[in-house]
Protein backbone atom coordinates (compact mmCIF):
# COMPACT_ATOMS: atom_id res chain seq x y z
CA MET A 1 -47.94 -156.35 2.61
CA LEU A 2 -44.97 -158.44 1.68
CA ASN A 3 -47.15 -160.08 -1.02
CA SER A 4 -47.07 -156.70 -2.87
CA ILE A 5 -43.31 -156.98 -3.38
CA PRO A 6 -42.85 -158.68 -6.89
CA ASP A 7 -39.10 -158.92 -6.74
CA PRO A 8 -37.88 -162.05 -4.86
CA ASP A 9 -34.60 -160.46 -4.11
CA VAL A 10 -36.43 -157.71 -2.22
CA LYS A 11 -38.77 -160.14 -0.44
CA ALA A 12 -35.86 -161.79 1.36
CA PRO A 13 -34.56 -158.71 3.09
CA ALA A 14 -38.14 -157.42 3.62
CA ASN A 15 -38.96 -160.73 5.44
CA ILE A 16 -35.77 -160.39 7.59
CA ALA A 17 -36.74 -156.79 8.33
CA ALA A 18 -40.14 -157.81 9.45
CA LEU A 19 -38.62 -160.39 11.82
CA LEU A 20 -36.11 -157.77 13.11
CA GLN A 21 -38.62 -155.04 13.62
CA PRO A 22 -39.99 -156.06 17.08
CA ASP A 23 -36.46 -156.01 18.51
CA TYR A 24 -35.99 -152.42 17.54
CA GLU A 25 -39.51 -150.99 18.23
CA VAL A 26 -39.86 -149.28 21.47
CA THR A 27 -43.33 -149.30 22.80
CA ASP A 28 -43.78 -147.29 25.96
CA GLU A 29 -47.50 -147.55 27.18
CA SER A 30 -47.00 -144.68 29.48
CA TRP A 31 -47.12 -142.30 26.35
CA ALA A 32 -50.37 -143.79 25.06
CA GLY A 33 -52.84 -141.04 24.56
CA SER A 34 -50.36 -138.26 25.38
CA PRO A 35 -50.59 -135.08 23.45
CA PHE A 36 -46.86 -135.16 23.12
CA ALA A 37 -46.30 -138.80 22.08
CA TRP A 38 -46.08 -137.98 18.43
CA ILE A 39 -42.97 -135.71 19.08
CA ARG A 40 -40.97 -138.69 20.24
CA ALA A 41 -41.20 -140.28 16.77
CA ARG A 42 -39.75 -137.19 15.02
CA PRO A 43 -35.94 -136.84 14.25
CA SER A 44 -33.95 -135.00 16.91
CA ARG A 45 -33.68 -131.89 14.56
CA GLN A 46 -37.27 -131.68 14.13
CA ARG A 47 -37.85 -132.19 17.89
CA GLY A 48 -35.64 -129.16 18.62
CA LYS A 49 -37.64 -127.08 16.10
CA ILE A 50 -40.99 -128.30 17.59
CA GLY A 51 -39.54 -127.40 21.13
CA GLU A 52 -38.72 -123.86 19.85
CA GLN A 53 -42.33 -123.41 18.43
CA LEU A 54 -43.79 -124.76 21.60
CA VAL A 55 -41.83 -122.26 23.71
CA ALA A 56 -42.55 -119.37 21.31
CA GLY A 57 -46.23 -120.22 21.04
CA TRP A 58 -46.66 -120.63 24.89
CA PHE A 59 -44.95 -117.38 25.92
CA ALA A 60 -46.65 -115.47 23.08
CA ALA A 61 -50.09 -116.84 24.27
CA LYS A 62 -49.13 -115.64 27.87
CA GLY A 63 -48.65 -112.09 26.47
CA LEU A 64 -44.87 -111.91 26.06
CA ASP A 65 -43.27 -110.36 22.99
CA VAL A 66 -41.66 -113.26 21.01
CA VAL A 67 -39.57 -112.68 17.88
CA GLY A 68 -37.66 -115.19 15.94
CA SER A 69 -34.01 -114.92 15.70
CA LYS A 70 -31.91 -113.88 12.71
CA SER A 71 -28.83 -115.28 14.22
CA SER A 72 -27.64 -118.90 14.69
CA GLN A 73 -26.42 -117.88 18.14
CA TYR A 74 -29.87 -118.10 19.73
CA ASP A 75 -33.29 -119.21 18.81
CA ARG A 76 -35.76 -116.23 20.03
CA LEU A 77 -35.91 -112.82 21.18
CA ILE A 78 -38.27 -112.61 24.15
CA HIS A 79 -38.87 -108.94 25.38
CA SER A 80 -35.36 -108.24 23.84
CA TYR A 81 -33.57 -110.97 25.72
CA ARG A 82 -31.51 -113.36 23.49
CA ILE A 83 -33.05 -116.87 24.37
CA GLU A 84 -31.63 -120.45 23.49
CA VAL A 85 -34.39 -123.08 23.60
CA LYS A 86 -33.37 -126.53 24.56
CA PHE A 87 -36.15 -129.23 24.55
CA SER A 88 -36.53 -132.86 25.66
CA THR A 89 -39.03 -135.58 26.14
CA LEU A 90 -38.83 -137.49 29.27
CA TRP A 91 -36.35 -140.41 28.84
CA GLY A 92 -36.90 -143.97 30.20
CA SER A 93 -34.51 -143.14 33.03
CA GLY A 94 -37.09 -140.70 34.23
CA GLN A 95 -35.09 -137.58 33.43
CA TYR A 96 -34.83 -134.96 30.72
CA ALA A 97 -31.61 -134.65 28.70
CA PHE A 98 -31.15 -131.14 27.23
CA GLN A 99 -28.42 -131.49 24.64
CA GLN A 100 -26.09 -129.42 22.59
CA ILE A 101 -25.64 -126.72 25.20
CA ARG A 102 -22.87 -124.33 24.01
CA ASN A 103 -21.20 -121.03 24.88
CA GLN A 104 -22.95 -118.84 22.38
CA ASP A 105 -24.39 -115.40 22.19
CA TYR A 106 -27.55 -115.75 24.42
CA GLN A 107 -28.50 -114.34 27.77
CA TYR A 108 -30.84 -117.21 28.89
CA ALA A 109 -31.69 -120.85 27.94
CA ILE A 110 -35.20 -122.02 28.28
CA CYS A 111 -35.15 -125.63 28.95
CA LEU A 112 -38.55 -127.24 28.21
CA GLY A 113 -39.33 -130.81 28.99
CA VAL A 114 -42.53 -132.74 28.30
CA SER A 115 -43.57 -135.96 29.94
CA PRO A 116 -46.62 -137.96 28.79
CA PHE A 117 -49.06 -135.75 30.63
CA SER A 118 -46.94 -133.00 32.15
CA ALA A 119 -44.30 -130.50 31.39
CA HIS A 120 -41.51 -128.74 33.07
CA CYS A 121 -39.55 -125.63 32.32
CA TRP A 122 -36.43 -123.84 33.50
CA VAL A 123 -35.22 -120.43 32.62
CA VAL A 124 -31.42 -120.57 33.12
CA SER A 125 -29.07 -117.63 32.75
CA LYS A 126 -26.03 -118.17 30.60
CA GLU A 127 -23.72 -117.46 33.62
CA LEU A 128 -25.34 -120.43 35.61
CA LEU A 129 -24.85 -122.59 32.60
CA LEU A 130 -21.24 -121.61 32.24
CA LYS A 131 -20.68 -122.27 35.94
CA HIS A 132 -22.40 -125.63 36.17
CA VAL A 133 -22.76 -127.15 32.72
CA ILE A 134 -20.71 -125.62 29.90
CA GLY A 135 -17.15 -127.05 30.04
CA GLN A 136 -18.26 -129.43 32.90
CA ARG A 137 -20.55 -132.01 31.47
CA GLY A 138 -19.15 -132.75 27.99
CA GLN A 139 -21.50 -134.39 25.52
CA HIS A 140 -19.54 -135.60 22.57
CA THR A 141 -16.03 -135.05 23.61
CA GLY A 142 -15.90 -136.95 26.98
CA ARG A 143 -15.78 -135.70 30.51
CA GLY A 144 -13.34 -132.89 29.75
CA GLY A 145 -15.13 -131.71 26.63
CA ALA A 146 -16.12 -128.07 26.28
CA ASP A 147 -17.60 -127.64 22.98
CA THR A 148 -21.17 -129.16 23.80
CA ALA A 149 -22.60 -130.05 26.98
CA TRP A 150 -25.90 -131.56 28.31
CA LEU A 151 -28.02 -131.08 31.35
CA HIS A 152 -30.00 -133.94 32.90
CA VAL A 153 -32.75 -133.07 35.05
CA LYS A 154 -35.02 -135.36 36.92
CA PRO A 155 -38.43 -133.50 37.33
CA GLY A 156 -39.21 -132.72 41.03
CA GLU A 157 -35.67 -133.43 41.92
CA PRO A 158 -33.37 -130.75 40.14
CA GLU A 159 -29.96 -130.09 41.44
CA ASP A 160 -29.84 -127.30 44.15
CA TRP A 161 -28.41 -124.66 41.70
CA LEU A 162 -31.29 -125.22 39.24
CA ARG A 163 -34.13 -125.10 41.63
CA PRO A 164 -34.62 -121.33 41.62
CA THR A 165 -34.90 -121.27 37.78
CA GLY A 166 -38.28 -122.87 37.50
CA GLY A 167 -39.52 -126.41 37.36
CA GLN A 168 -43.32 -126.10 37.01
CA LEU A 169 -44.52 -124.15 33.97
CA GLY A 170 -45.97 -121.40 36.04
CA ALA A 171 -42.80 -120.76 37.90
CA ALA A 172 -40.71 -120.57 34.78
CA PHE A 173 -43.23 -118.13 33.14
CA LEU A 174 -43.17 -116.01 36.40
CA LEU A 175 -39.31 -115.82 36.11
CA LEU A 176 -39.37 -114.77 32.48
CA SER A 177 -42.31 -112.36 33.09
CA ARG A 178 -40.22 -110.58 35.75
CA LEU A 179 -37.40 -110.28 33.50
CA ALA A 180 -39.52 -108.92 30.69
CA HIS A 181 -41.33 -106.49 32.79
CA GLY A 182 -38.43 -105.60 35.05
């Protein structure tokens, strides 16, 4: 491949890049063969959109009314509830990190996390997020930051306040279905 570069000034940085590449590549064999592995290689903005599409498709396939949002304050309307979608792949630390959680005009956040061969979901009211996350767990502005927050969740070991909001996909669907059908 390097032989196809005719310019000797380009060959030198290309050779150095080839030597550096193994130091920066992350090969995680636990994701080998996973239907979700390709998502991890996408830029974070694309991963967020993919997460929104996964949530919308999943809940629509389960019979819930899912509509795209015309507002930047939330991502979807599911049975008239304003829903913010947060998505994470499993981190090397064994937890999901749902990022950019803000105090916006939504009623619930759906936090979908995918592992190599599993997935988890929490349907969290904005009130719970305000009480436990927003303003408490600053993401970019330090410990006292209030603009954006993140929520770390270890599958199977969520914090006590988060336990009633889902975990397994079936539990999260049941919660949202109950909201939708009153």
